[in-house]
Amino acid sequence: MKIYTSYYANLKNIPKDIIPISIAGKCPDFYKGLEYKKLAPKYWFFKQWKINHDNDFYIENFNKEVLNSLTSKEVINDLMFLSEGKDVVLLCYEKPGDFCHRHLVANWLNDNGVDCKEYQ
């Protein structure tokens, strides 16, 4: 299983054999696919970030409240179950160059020996 990241607006470019899985706190209304809330940001610090755009604050809390409570093995097993072993693309809202928690997830997976890159 390969793991990619991308954003909802790029869904039209994702091949049909790659399973989209949302990792956002709330999906756009048009998205009716799979969700994996364990990798979603907590509402309280996301809301605070929307006000102050303090990326360091966001990263600290995302690591503390989301990533530190998970293991890469658990995440991989869950994603394999959801996708039935097929390749996946983890979705959120922001464009590739914008600050987004999916990039934090990708870095965390890569740091834990799991190859994860943005779908191009």
PDB file of N, CA and C in Angstrom:
ATOM      1  N   MET A   1       0.843  -1.185   0.000  1.00  0.00           N
ATOM      2  CA  MET A   1       0.000   0.000   0.000  1.00  0.00           C
ATOM      3  C   MET A   1       0.886   1.245   0.000  1.00  0.00           C
ATOM      4  N   LYS A   2       0.634   2.152  -0.943  1.00  0.00           N
ATOM      5  CA  LYS A   2       1.304   3.451  -0.977  1.00  0.00           C
ATOM      6  C   LYS A   2       0.386   4.476  -0.326  1.00  0.00           C
ATOM      7  N   ILE A   3       1.010   5.478   0.304  1.00  0.00           N
ATOM      8  CA  ILE A   3       0.248   6.539   0.951  1.00  0.00           C
ATOM      9  C   ILE A   3       0.665   7.872   0.349  1.00  0.00           C
ATOM     10  N   TYR A   4      -0.334   8.621  -0.086  1.00  0.00           N
ATOM     11  CA  TYR A   4      -0.128   9.958  -0.620  1.00  0.00           C
ATOM     12  C   TYR A   4      -0.946  10.944   0.209  1.00  0.00           C
ATOM     13  N   THR A   5      -0.665  12.224   0.005  1.00  0.00           N
ATOM     14  CA  THR A   5      -1.521  13.277   0.528  1.00  0.00           C
ATOM     15  C   THR A   5      -1.958  14.142  -0.647  1.00  0.00           C
ATOM     16  N   SER A   6      -3.077  14.825  -0.469  1.00  0.00           N
ATOM     17  CA  SER A   6      -3.552  15.764  -1.484  1.00  0.00           C
ATOM     18  C   SER A   6      -4.658  16.604  -0.866  1.00  0.00           C
ATOM     19  N   TYR A   7      -5.358  17.351  -1.713  1.00  0.00           N
ATOM     20  CA  TYR A   7      -6.433  18.223  -1.242  1.00  0.00           C
ATOM     21  C   TYR A   7      -7.683  17.954  -2.073  1.00  0.00           C
ATOM     22  N   TYR A   8      -8.817  18.303  -1.482  1.00  0.00           N
ATOM     23  CA  TYR A   8     -10.097  17.959  -2.095  1.00  0.00           C
ATOM     24  C   TYR A   8     -10.226  18.458  -3.537  1.00  0.00           C
ATOM     25  N   ALA A   9      -9.736  19.663  -3.820  1.00  0.00           N
ATOM     26  CA  ALA A   9      -9.873  20.216  -5.171  1.00  0.00           C
ATOM     27  C   ALA A   9      -9.081  19.422  -6.203  1.00  0.00           C
ATOM     28  N   ASN A  10      -8.152  18.581  -5.753  1.00  0.00           N
ATOM     29  CA  ASN A  10      -7.344  17.768  -6.663  1.00  0.00           C
ATOM     30  C   ASN A  10      -7.936  16.371  -6.871  1.00  0.00           C
ATOM     31  N   LEU A  11      -9.054  16.082  -6.247  1.00  0.00           N
ATOM     32  CA  LEU A  11      -9.652  14.737  -6.348  1.00  0.00           C
ATOM     33  C   LEU A  11      -9.862  14.286  -7.791  1.00  0.00           C
ATOM     34  N   LYS A  12     -10.214  15.212  -8.657  1.00  0.00           N
ATOM     35  CA  LYS A  12     -10.474  14.859 -10.069  1.00  0.00           C
ATOM     36  C   LYS A  12      -9.235  14.304 -10.752  1.00  0.00           C
ATOM     37  N   ASN A  13      -8.051  14.580 -10.210  1.00  0.00           N
ATOM     38  CA  ASN A  13      -6.792  14.119 -10.807  1.00  0.00           C
ATOM     39  C   ASN A  13      -6.249  12.839 -10.169  1.00  0.00           C
ATOM     40  N   ILE A  14      -6.910  12.356  -9.134  1.00  0.00           N
ATOM     41  CA  ILE A  14      -6.464  11.155  -8.437  1.00  0.00           C
ATOM     42  C   ILE A  14      -7.010   9.936  -9.188  1.00  0.00           C
ATOM     43  N   PRO A  15      -6.149   8.997  -9.566  1.00  0.00           N
ATOM     44  CA  PRO A  15      -6.636   7.792 -10.257  1.00  0.00           C
ATOM     45  C   PRO A  15      -7.663   7.029  -9.413  1.00  0.00           C
ATOM     46  N   LYS A  16      -8.576   6.388 -10.095  1.00  0.00           N
ATOM     47  CA  LYS A  16      -9.669   5.676  -9.417  1.00  0.00           C
ATOM     48  C   LYS A  16      -9.184   4.510  -8.555  1.00  0.00           C
ATOM     49  N   ASP A  17      -7.960   4.005  -8.809  1.00  0.00           N
ATOM     50  CA  ASP A  17      -7.467   2.882  -8.018  1.00  0.00           C
ATOM     51  C   ASP A  17      -6.759   3.326  -6.734  1.00  0.00           C
ATOM     52  N   ILE A  18      -6.686   4.642  -6.500  1.00  0.00           N
ATOM     53  CA  ILE A  18      -6.165   5.167  -5.238  1.00  0.00           C
ATOM     54  C   ILE A  18      -7.363   5.617  -4.411  1.00  0.00           C
ATOM     55  N   ILE A  19      -7.453   5.095  -3.200  1.00  0.00           N
ATOM     56  CA  ILE A  19      -8.626   5.332  -2.358  1.00  0.00           C
ATOM     57  C   ILE A  19      -8.482   6.642  -1.586  1.00  0.00           C
ATOM     58  N   PRO A  20      -9.389   7.607  -1.801  1.00  0.00           N
ATOM     59  CA  PRO A  20      -9.335   8.849  -1.029  1.00  0.00           C
ATOM     60  C   PRO A  20      -9.858   8.627   0.389  1.00  0.00           C
ATOM     61  N   ILE A  21      -9.139   9.195   1.356  1.00  0.00           N
ATOM     62  CA  ILE A  21      -9.553   9.131   2.754  1.00  0.00           C
ATOM     63  C   ILE A  21      -9.358  10.522   3.350  1.00  0.00           C
ATOM     64  N   SER A  22     -10.427  11.120   3.812  1.00  0.00           N
ATOM     65  CA  SER A  22     -10.357  12.440   4.421  1.00  0.00           C
ATOM     66  C   SER A  22      -9.738  12.346   5.816  1.00  0.00           C
ATOM     67  N   ILE A  23      -8.837  13.296   6.119  1.00  0.00           N
ATOM     68  CA  ILE A  23      -8.298  13.403   7.479  1.00  0.00           C
ATOM     69  C   ILE A  23      -8.637  14.778   8.060  1.00  0.00           C
ATOM     70  N   ALA A  24      -9.635  15.434   7.491  1.00  0.00           N
ATOM     71  CA  ALA A  24     -10.087  16.742   7.973  1.00  0.00           C
ATOM     72  C   ALA A  24     -11.064  16.561   9.126  1.00  0.00           C
ATOM     73  N   GLY A  25     -11.186  17.606   9.917  1.00  0.00           N
ATOM     74  CA  GLY A  25     -12.186  17.586  10.984  1.00  0.00           C
ATOM     75  C   GLY A  25     -13.590  17.548  10.422  1.00  0.00           C
ATOM     76  N   LYS A  26     -13.805  18.249   9.321  1.00  0.00           N
ATOM     77  CA  LYS A  26     -15.101  18.271   8.638  1.00  0.00           C
ATOM     78  C   LYS A  26     -14.833  18.271   7.137  1.00  0.00           C
ATOM     79  N   CYS A  27     -15.486  17.398   6.448  1.00  0.00           N
ATOM     80  CA  CYS A  27     -15.331  17.282   4.991  1.00  0.00           C
ATOM     81  C   CYS A  27     -16.199  18.315   4.284  1.00  0.00           C
ATOM     82  N   PRO A  28     -15.829  18.679   3.056  1.00  0.00           N
ATOM     83  CA  PRO A  28     -16.749  19.506   2.267  1.00  0.00           C
ATOM     84  C   PRO A  28     -18.019  18.707   1.957  1.00  0.00           C
ATOM     85  N   ASP A  29     -19.089  19.408   1.756  1.00  0.00           N
ATOM     86  CA  ASP A  29     -20.383  18.746   1.533  1.00  0.00           C
ATOM     87  C   ASP A  29     -20.370  17.785   0.357  1.00  0.00           C
ATOM     88  N   PHE A  30     -19.597  18.077  -0.686  1.00  0.00           N
ATOM     89  CA  PHE A  30     -19.597  17.210  -1.866  1.00  0.00           C
ATOM     90  C   PHE A  30     -18.871  15.892  -1.638  1.00  0.00           C
ATOM     91  N   TYR A  31     -18.019  15.830  -0.622  1.00  0.00           N
ATOM     92  CA  TYR A  31     -17.211  14.622  -0.396  1.00  0.00           C
ATOM     93  C   TYR A  31     -18.032  13.585   0.365  1.00  0.00           C
ATOM     94  N   LYS A  32     -18.159  12.417  -0.213  1.00  0.00           N
ATOM     95  CA  LYS A  32     -18.953  11.336   0.398  1.00  0.00           C
ATOM     96  C   LYS A  32     -18.110  10.087   0.656  1.00  0.00           C
ATOM     97  N   GLY A  33     -16.784  10.240   0.618  1.00  0.00           N
ATOM     98  CA  GLY A  33     -15.892   9.098   0.746  1.00  0.00           C
ATOM     99  C   GLY A  33     -15.538   8.751   2.183  1.00  0.00           C
ATOM    100  N   LEU A  34     -14.481   7.958   2.319  1.00  0.00           N
ATOM    101  CA  LEU A  34     -14.002   7.491   3.614  1.00  0.00           C
ATOM    102  C   LEU A  34     -13.387   8.623   4.419  1.00  0.00           C
ATOM    103  N   GLU A  35     -13.460   8.475   5.750  1.00  0.00           N
ATOM    104  CA  GLU A  35     -12.862   9.437   6.668  1.00  0.00           C
ATOM    105  C   GLU A  35     -12.025   8.702   7.700  1.00  0.00           C
ATOM    106  N   TYR A  36     -10.957   9.358   8.151  1.00  0.00           N
ATOM    107  CA  TYR A  36     -10.113   8.817   9.213  1.00  0.00           C
ATOM    108  C   TYR A  36      -9.860   9.942  10.205  1.00  0.00           C
ATOM    109  N   LYS A  37     -10.759  10.061  11.166  1.00  0.00           N
ATOM    110  CA  LYS A  37     -10.758  11.178  12.116  1.00  0.00           C
ATOM    111  C   LYS A  37      -9.586  11.138  13.104  1.00  0.00           C
ATOM    112  N   LYS A  38      -8.932   9.988  13.252  1.00  0.00           N
ATOM    113  CA  LYS A  38      -7.800   9.924  14.180  1.00  0.00           C
ATOM    114  C   LYS A  38      -6.685  10.879  13.783  1.00  0.00           C
ATOM    115  N   LEU A  39      -6.601  11.242  12.506  1.00  0.00           N
ATOM    116  CA  LEU A  39      -5.567  12.169  12.043  1.00  0.00           C
ATOM    117  C   LEU A  39      -6.095  13.596  11.840  1.00  0.00           C
ATOM    118  N   ALA A  40      -7.312  13.851  12.259  1.00  0.00           N
ATOM    119  CA  ALA A  40      -7.885  15.189  12.130  1.00  0.00           C
ATOM    120  C   ALA A  40      -7.431  16.078  13.286  1.00  0.00           C
ATOM    121  N   PRO A  41      -7.274  17.376  13.014  1.00  0.00           N
ATOM    122  CA  PRO A  41      -6.943  18.290  14.108  1.00  0.00           C
ATOM    123  C   PRO A  41      -8.114  18.416  15.074  1.00  0.00           C
ATOM    124  N   LYS A  42      -7.794  18.719  16.316  1.00  0.00           N
ATOM    125  CA  LYS A  42      -8.841  18.977  17.308  1.00  0.00           C
ATOM    126  C   LYS A  42      -9.426  20.362  17.036  1.00  0.00           C
ATOM    127  N   TYR A  43     -10.721  20.468  17.202  1.00  0.00           N
ATOM    128  CA  TYR A  43     -11.420  21.703  16.855  1.00  0.00           C
ATOM    129  C   TYR A  43     -10.877  22.908  17.621  1.00  0.00           C
ATOM    130  N   TRP A  44     -10.581  22.758  18.914  1.00  0.00           N
ATOM    131  CA  TRP A  44     -10.206  23.913  19.733  1.00  0.00           C
ATOM    132  C   TRP A  44      -8.931  24.585  19.237  1.00  0.00           C
ATOM    133  N   PHE A  45      -7.907  23.797  18.881  1.00  0.00           N
ATOM    134  CA  PHE A  45      -6.679  24.466  18.434  1.00  0.00           C
ATOM    135  C   PHE A  45      -6.762  24.873  16.961  1.00  0.00           C
ATOM    136  N   PHE A  46      -7.571  24.170  16.187  1.00  0.00           N
ATOM    137  CA  PHE A  46      -7.799  24.609  14.810  1.00  0.00           C
ATOM    138  C   PHE A  46      -8.505  25.964  14.803  1.00  0.00           C
ATOM    139  N   LYS A  47      -9.515  26.114  15.641  1.00  0.00           N
ATOM    140  CA  LYS A  47     -10.253  27.370  15.748  1.00  0.00           C
ATOM    141  C   LYS A  47      -9.318  28.501  16.179  1.00  0.00           C
ATOM    142  N   GLN A  48      -8.458  28.233  17.142  1.00  0.00           N
ATOM    143  CA  GLN A  48      -7.504  29.248  17.601  1.00  0.00           C
ATOM    144  C   GLN A  48      -6.531  29.615  16.480  1.00  0.00           C
ATOM    145  N   TRP A  49      -6.078  28.620  15.728  1.00  0.00           N
ATOM    146  CA  TRP A  49      -5.163  28.880  14.619  1.00  0.00           C
ATOM    147  C   TRP A  49      -5.824  29.746  13.544  1.00  0.00           C
ATOM    148  N   LYS A  50      -7.108  29.537  13.286  1.00  0.00           N
ATOM    149  CA  LYS A  50      -7.825  30.343  12.295  1.00  0.00           C
ATOM    150  C   LYS A  50      -7.831  31.826  12.692  1.00  0.00           C
ATOM    151  N   ILE A  51      -7.751  32.082  13.996  1.00  0.00           N
ATOM    152  CA  ILE A  51      -7.733  33.459  14.491  1.00  0.00           C
ATOM    153  C   ILE A  51      -6.331  34.053  14.408  1.00  0.00           C
ATOM    154  N   ASN A  52      -5.326  33.296  14.903  1.00  0.00           N
ATOM    155  CA  ASN A  52      -3.986  33.878  15.040  1.00  0.00           C
ATOM    156  C   ASN A  52      -2.962  33.392  14.008  1.00  0.00           C
ATOM    157  N   HIS A  53      -3.263  32.347  13.276  1.00  0.00           N
ATOM    158  CA  HIS A  53      -2.350  31.768  12.277  1.00  0.00           C
ATOM    159  C   HIS A  53      -0.950  31.512  12.837  1.00  0.00           C
ATOM    160  N   ASP A  54      -0.914  31.102  14.100  1.00  0.00           N
ATOM    161  CA  ASP A  54       0.355  30.768  14.767  1.00  0.00           C
ATOM    162  C   ASP A  54       0.669  29.300  14.470  1.00  0.00           C
ATOM    163  N   ASN A  55       1.490  29.075  13.443  1.00  0.00           N
ATOM    164  CA  ASN A  55       1.803  27.710  13.020  1.00  0.00           C
ATOM    165  C   ASN A  55       2.503  26.915  14.102  1.00  0.00           C
ATOM    166  N   ASP A  56       3.389  27.561  14.884  1.00  0.00           N
ATOM    167  CA  ASP A  56       4.093  26.857  15.963  1.00  0.00           C
ATOM    168  C   ASP A  56       3.112  26.342  17.011  1.00  0.00           C
ATOM    169  N   PHE A  57       2.132  27.173  17.362  1.00  0.00           N
ATOM    170  CA  PHE A  57       1.079  26.770  18.295  1.00  0.00           C
ATOM    171  C   PHE A  57       0.323  25.551  17.757  1.00  0.00           C
ATOM    172  N   TYR A  58      -0.035  25.625  16.489  1.00  0.00           N
ATOM    173  CA  TYR A  58      -0.775  24.540  15.850  1.00  0.00           C
ATOM    174  C   TYR A  58       0.047  23.254  15.849  1.00  0.00           C
ATOM    175  N   ILE A  59       1.298  23.345  15.408  1.00  0.00           N
ATOM    176  CA  ILE A  59       2.167  22.164  15.327  1.00  0.00           C
ATOM    177  C   ILE A  59       2.343  21.538  16.701  1.00  0.00           C
ATOM    178  N   GLU A  60       2.605  22.366  17.707  1.00  0.00           N
ATOM    179  CA  GLU A  60       2.779  21.844  19.073  1.00  0.00           C
ATOM    180  C   GLU A  60       1.546  21.072  19.529  1.00  0.00           C
ATOM    181  N   ASN A  61       0.376  21.647  19.323  1.00  0.00           N
ATOM    182  CA  ASN A  61      -0.857  21.001  19.779  1.00  0.00           C
ATOM    183  C   ASN A  61      -1.251  19.821  18.909  1.00  0.00           C
ATOM    184  N   PHE A  62      -0.987  19.891  17.620  1.00  0.00           N
ATOM    185  CA  PHE A  62      -1.284  18.748  16.753  1.00  0.00           C
ATOM    186  C   PHE A  62      -0.417  17.559  17.149  1.00  0.00           C
ATOM    187  N   ASN A  63       0.857  17.813  17.391  1.00  0.00           N
ATOM    188  CA  ASN A  63       1.746  16.726  17.835  1.00  0.00           C
ATOM    189  C   ASN A  63       1.289  16.167  19.177  1.00  0.00           C
ATOM    190  N   LYS A  64       1.025  17.063  20.123  1.00  0.00           N
ATOM    191  CA  LYS A  64       0.673  16.640  21.485  1.00  0.00           C
ATOM    192  C   LYS A  64      -0.671  15.912  21.529  1.00  0.00           C
ATOM    193  N   GLU A  65      -1.668  16.425  20.842  1.00  0.00           N
ATOM    194  CA  GLU A  65      -3.020  15.902  20.995  1.00  0.00           C
ATOM    195  C   GLU A  65      -3.431  14.879  19.934  1.00  0.00           C
ATOM    196  N   VAL A  66      -2.692  14.815  18.839  1.00  0.00           N
ATOM    197  CA  VAL A  66      -3.068  13.889  17.767  1.00  0.00           C
ATOM    198  C   VAL A  66      -1.958  12.858  17.546  1.00  0.00           C
ATOM    199  N   LEU A  67      -0.831  13.300  17.041  1.00  0.00           N
ATOM    200  CA  LEU A  67       0.211  12.347  16.635  1.00  0.00           C
ATOM    201  C   LEU A  67       0.820  11.578  17.803  1.00  0.00           C
ATOM    202  N   ASN A  68       1.008  12.233  18.943  1.00  0.00           N
ATOM    203  CA  ASN A  68       1.623  11.540  20.077  1.00  0.00           C
ATOM    204  C   ASN A  68       0.734  10.460  20.682  1.00  0.00           C
ATOM    205  N   SER A  69      -0.540  10.468  20.328  1.00  0.00           N
ATOM    206  CA  SER A  69      -1.452   9.439  20.846  1.00  0.00           C
ATOM    207  C   SER A  69      -1.581   8.256  19.879  1.00  0.00           C
ATOM    208  N   LEU A  70      -0.836   8.304  18.768  1.00  0.00           N
ATOM    209  CA  LEU A  70      -0.916   7.258  17.750  1.00  0.00           C
ATOM    210  C   LEU A  70       0.451   6.625  17.514  1.00  0.00           C
ATOM    211  N   THR A  71       0.418   5.454  16.906  1.00  0.00           N
ATOM    212  CA  THR A  71       1.648   4.864  16.387  1.00  0.00           C
ATOM    213  C   THR A  71       1.483   4.732  14.881  1.00  0.00           C
ATOM    214  N   SER A  72       2.601   4.778  14.181  1.00  0.00           N
ATOM    215  CA  SER A  72       2.512   4.627  12.724  1.00  0.00           C
ATOM    216  C   SER A  72       1.957   3.263  12.357  1.00  0.00           C
ATOM    217  N   LYS A  73       2.279   2.254  13.140  1.00  0.00           N
ATOM    218  CA  LYS A  73       1.759   0.906  12.871  1.00  0.00           C
ATOM    219  C   LYS A  73       0.231   0.886  12.965  1.00  0.00           C
ATOM    220  N   GLU A  74      -0.307   1.530  14.000  1.00  0.00           N
ATOM    221  CA  GLU A  74      -1.761   1.606  14.165  1.00  0.00           C
ATOM    222  C   GLU A  74      -2.402   2.321  12.972  1.00  0.00           C
ATOM    223  N   VAL A  75      -1.810   3.439  12.576  1.00  0.00           N
ATOM    224  CA  VAL A  75      -2.357   4.213  11.462  1.00  0.00           C
ATOM    225  C   VAL A  75      -2.316   3.394  10.172  1.00  0.00           C
ATOM    226  N   ILE A  76      -1.194   2.748   9.899  1.00  0.00           N
ATOM    227  CA  ILE A  76      -1.068   1.930   8.691  1.00  0.00           C
ATOM    228  C   ILE A  76      -2.093   0.803   8.701  1.00  0.00           C
ATOM    229  N   ASN A  77      -2.229   0.132   9.824  1.00  0.00           N
ATOM    230  CA  ASN A  77      -3.212  -0.961   9.923  1.00  0.00           C
ATOM    231  C   ASN A  77      -4.627  -0.453   9.675  1.00  0.00           C
ATOM    232  N   ASP A  78      -4.961   0.698  10.256  1.00  0.00           N
ATOM    233  CA  ASP A  78      -6.296   1.274  10.054  1.00  0.00           C
ATOM    234  C   ASP A  78      -6.520   1.644   8.592  1.00  0.00           C
ATOM    235  N   LEU A  79      -5.521   2.274   7.973  1.00  0.00           N
ATOM    236  CA  LEU A  79      -5.663   2.675   6.574  1.00  0.00           C
ATOM    237  C   LEU A  79      -5.752   1.460   5.656  1.00  0.00           C
ATOM    238  N   MET A  80      -4.992   0.423   5.965  1.00  0.00           N
ATOM    239  CA  MET A  80      -5.077  -0.817   5.168  1.00  0.00           C
ATOM    240  C   MET A  80      -6.468  -1.431   5.268  1.00  0.00           C
ATOM    241  N   PHE A  81      -7.031  -1.399   6.470  1.00  0.00           N
ATOM    242  CA  PHE A  81      -8.379  -1.932   6.662  1.00  0.00           C
ATOM    243  C   PHE A  81      -9.396  -1.107   5.867  1.00  0.00           C
ATOM    244  N   LEU A  82      -9.325   0.219   6.003  1.00  0.00           N
ATOM    245  CA  LEU A  82     -10.276   1.090   5.310  1.00  0.00           C
ATOM    246  C   LEU A  82     -10.193   0.941   3.789  1.00  0.00           C
ATOM    247  N   SER A  83      -8.976   0.824   3.274  1.00  0.00           N
ATOM    248  CA  SER A  83      -8.771   0.791   1.819  1.00  0.00           C
ATOM    249  C   SER A  83      -8.737  -0.619   1.246  1.00  0.00           C
ATOM    250  N   GLU A  84      -8.875  -1.612   2.123  1.00  0.00           N
ATOM    251  CA  GLU A  84      -8.771  -3.018   1.722  1.00  0.00           C
ATOM    252  C   GLU A  84      -7.420  -3.282   1.055  1.00  0.00           C
ATOM    253  N   GLY A  85      -6.371  -2.635   1.584  1.00  0.00           N
ATOM    254  CA  GLY A  85      -5.013  -2.855   1.122  1.00  0.00           C
ATOM    255  C   GLY A  85      -4.597  -2.075  -0.110  1.00  0.00           C
ATOM    256  N   LYS A  86      -5.497  -1.274  -0.644  1.00  0.00           N
ATOM    257  CA  LYS A  86      -5.180  -0.478  -1.841  1.00  0.00           C
ATOM    258  C   LYS A  86      -4.418   0.793  -1.445  1.00  0.00           C
ATOM    259  N   ASP A  87      -3.781   1.425  -2.418  1.00  0.00           N
ATOM    260  CA  ASP A  87      -3.107   2.699  -2.189  1.00  0.00           C
ATOM    261  C   ASP A  87      -4.135   3.738  -1.741  1.00  0.00           C
ATOM    262  N   VAL A  88      -3.682   4.683  -0.898  1.00  0.00           N
ATOM    263  CA  VAL A  88      -4.582   5.705  -0.363  1.00  0.00           C
ATOM    264  C   VAL A  88      -4.008   7.098  -0.597  1.00  0.00           C
ATOM    265  N   VAL A  89      -4.907   8.060  -0.615  1.00  0.00           N
ATOM    266  CA  VAL A  89      -4.525   9.469  -0.601  1.00  0.00           C
ATOM    267  C   VAL A  89      -5.286  10.129   0.548  1.00  0.00           C
ATOM    268  N   LEU A  90      -4.525  10.725   1.468  1.00  0.00           N
ATOM    269  CA  LEU A  90      -5.098  11.396   2.631  1.00  0.00           C
ATOM    270  C   LEU A  90      -5.424  12.831   2.241  1.00  0.00           C
ATOM    271  N   LEU A  91      -6.676  13.219   2.433  1.00  0.00           N
ATOM    272  CA  LEU A  91      -7.175  14.495   1.929  1.00  0.00           C
ATOM    273  C   LEU A  91      -7.437  15.525   3.009  1.00  0.00           C
ATOM    274  N   CYS A  92      -7.166  16.773   2.649  1.00  0.00           N
ATOM    275  CA  CYS A  92      -7.560  17.925   3.441  1.00  0.00           C
ATOM    276  C   CYS A  92      -7.834  19.064   2.469  1.00  0.00           C
ATOM    277  N   TYR A  93      -7.898  20.298   2.950  1.00  0.00           N
ATOM    278  CA  TYR A  93      -8.358  21.421   2.132  1.00  0.00           C
ATOM    279  C   TYR A  93      -7.256  22.200   1.414  1.00  0.00           C
ATOM    280  N   GLU A  94      -6.145  22.452   2.076  1.00  0.00           N
ATOM    281  CA  GLU A  94      -5.174  23.427   1.590  1.00  0.00           C
ATOM    282  C   GLU A  94      -4.390  22.945   0.375  1.00  0.00           C
ATOM    283  N   LYS A  95      -3.979  23.902  -0.453  1.00  0.00           N
ATOM    284  CA  LYS A  95      -3.137  23.614  -1.608  1.00  0.00           C
ATOM    285  C   LYS A  95      -1.775  23.125  -1.120  1.00  0.00           C
ATOM    286  N   PRO A  96      -1.006  22.446  -1.976  1.00  0.00           N
ATOM    287  CA  PRO A  96       0.272  21.854  -1.561  1.00  0.00           C
ATOM    288  C   PRO A  96       1.249  22.799  -0.864  1.00  0.00           C
ATOM    289  N   GLY A  97       1.340  24.050  -1.280  1.00  0.00           N
ATOM    290  CA  GLY A  97       2.301  24.966  -0.675  1.00  0.00           C
ATOM    291  C   GLY A  97       1.819  25.654   0.593  1.00  0.00           C
ATOM    292  N   ASP A  98       0.549  25.478   0.942  1.00  0.00           N
ATOM    293  CA  ASP A  98      -0.018  26.136   2.116  1.00  0.00           C
ATOM    294  C   ASP A  98       0.173  25.290   3.368  1.00  0.00           C
ATOM    295  N   PHE A  99       0.188  25.957   4.513  1.00  0.00           N
ATOM    296  CA  PHE A  99       0.279  25.244   5.792  1.00  0.00           C
ATOM    297  C   PHE A  99      -0.943  24.346   5.952  1.00  0.00           C
ATOM    298  N   CYS A 100      -0.708  23.083   6.274  1.00  0.00           N
ATOM    299  CA  CYS A 100      -1.800  22.127   6.441  1.00  0.00           C
ATOM    300  C   CYS A 100      -1.327  20.961   7.297  1.00  0.00           C
ATOM    301  N   HIS A 101      -2.224  20.441   8.095  1.00  0.00           N
ATOM    302  CA  HIS A 101      -1.844  19.326   8.965  1.00  0.00           C
ATOM    303  C   HIS A 101      -1.493  18.063   8.186  1.00  0.00           C
ATOM    304  N   ARG A 102      -1.948  17.937   6.949  1.00  0.00           N
ATOM    305  CA  ARG A 102      -1.598  16.731   6.194  1.00  0.00           C
ATOM    306  C   ARG A 102      -0.095  16.668   5.948  1.00  0.00           C
ATOM    307  N   HIS A 103       0.565  17.831   5.855  1.00  0.00           N
ATOM    308  CA  HIS A 103       2.018  17.848   5.702  1.00  0.00           C
ATOM    309  C   HIS A 103       2.693  17.388   6.998  1.00  0.00           C
ATOM    310  N   LEU A 104       2.105  17.726   8.127  1.00  0.00           N
ATOM    311  CA  LEU A 104       2.618  17.248   9.419  1.00  0.00           C
ATOM    312  C   LEU A 104       2.458  15.729   9.502  1.00  0.00           C
ATOM    313  N   VAL A 105       1.326  15.229   9.046  1.00  0.00           N
ATOM    314  CA  VAL A 105       1.081  13.782   9.028  1.00  0.00           C
ATOM    315  C   VAL A 105       2.094  13.096   8.112  1.00  0.00           C
ATOM    316  N   ALA A 106       2.307  13.646   6.925  1.00  0.00           N
ATOM    317  CA  ALA A 106       3.259  13.051   5.980  1.00  0.00           C
ATOM    318  C   ALA A 106       4.665  13.024   6.580  1.00  0.00           C
ATOM    319  N   ASN A 107       5.085  14.125   7.198  1.00  0.00           N
ATOM    320  CA  ASN A 107       6.413  14.163   7.830  1.00  0.00           C
ATOM    321  C   ASN A 107       6.521  13.136   8.949  1.00  0.00           C
ATOM    322  N   TRP A 108       5.474  13.019   9.751  1.00  0.00           N
ATOM    323  CA  TRP A 108       5.448  12.055  10.856  1.00  0.00           C
ATOM    324  C   TRP A 108       5.543  10.626  10.314  1.00  0.00           C
ATOM    325  N   LEU A 109       4.790  10.322   9.278  1.00  0.00           N
ATOM    326  CA  LEU A 109       4.868   8.991   8.680  1.00  0.00           C
ATOM    327  C   LEU A 109       6.271   8.732   8.128  1.00  0.00           C
ATOM    328  N   ASN A 110       6.809   9.693   7.378  1.00  0.00           N
ATOM    329  CA  ASN A 110       8.161   9.536   6.834  1.00  0.00           C
ATOM    330  C   ASN A 110       9.193   9.349   7.940  1.00  0.00           C
ATOM    331  N   ASP A 111       9.073  10.123   9.023  1.00  0.00           N
ATOM    332  CA  ASP A 111      10.001   9.994  10.158  1.00  0.00           C
ATOM    333  C   ASP A 111       9.900   8.634  10.837  1.00  0.00           C
ATOM    334  N   ASN A 112       8.747   7.972  10.648  1.00  0.00           N
ATOM    335  CA  ASN A 112       8.534   6.647  11.235  1.00  0.00           C
ATOM    336  C   ASN A 112       8.681   5.530  10.209  1.00  0.00           C
ATOM    337  N   GLY A 113       9.386   5.813   9.118  1.00  0.00           N
ATOM    338  CA  GLY A 113       9.725   4.781   8.149  1.00  0.00           C
ATOM    339  C   GLY A 113       8.653   4.437   7.141  1.00  0.00           C
ATOM    340  N   VAL A 114       7.606   5.256   7.055  1.00  0.00           N
ATOM    341  CA  VAL A 114       6.520   4.997   6.106  1.00  0.00           C
ATOM    342  C   VAL A 114       6.588   6.075   5.028  1.00  0.00           C
ATOM    343  N   ASP A 115       6.798   5.674   3.787  1.00  0.00           N
ATOM    344  CA  ASP A 115       6.897   6.627   2.682  1.00  0.00           C
ATOM    345  C   ASP A 115       5.544   7.279   2.418  1.00  0.00           C
ATOM    346  N   CYS A 116       5.528   8.590   2.465  1.00  0.00           N
ATOM    347  CA  CYS A 116       4.307   9.342   2.201  1.00  0.00           C
ATOM    348  C   CYS A 116       4.691  10.638   1.513  1.00  0.00           C
ATOM    349  N   LYS A 117       4.076  10.891   0.358  1.00  0.00           N
ATOM    350  CA  LYS A 117       4.380  12.116  -0.373  1.00  0.00           C
ATOM    351  C   LYS A 117       3.104  12.685  -0.983  1.00  0.00           C
ATOM    352  N   GLU A 118       3.195  13.954  -1.361  1.00  0.00           N
ATOM    353  CA  GLU A 118       2.066  14.641  -1.999  1.00  0.00           C
ATOM    354  C   GLU A 118       1.850  14.039  -3.389  1.00  0.00           C
ATOM    355  N   TYR A 119       0.576  13.769  -3.706  1.00  0.00           N
ATOM    356  CA  TYR A 119       0.260  13.247  -5.029  1.00  0.00           C
ATOM    357  C   TYR A 119       0.397  14.370  -6.045  1.00  0.00           C
ATOM    358  N   GLN A 120       1.194  14.142  -7.071  1.00  0.00           N
ATOM    359  CA  GLN A 120       1.443  15.157  -8.098  1.00  0.00           C
ATOM    360  C   GLN A 120       0.698  14.808  -9.373  1.00  0.00           C
TER     361      GLN A 120
END
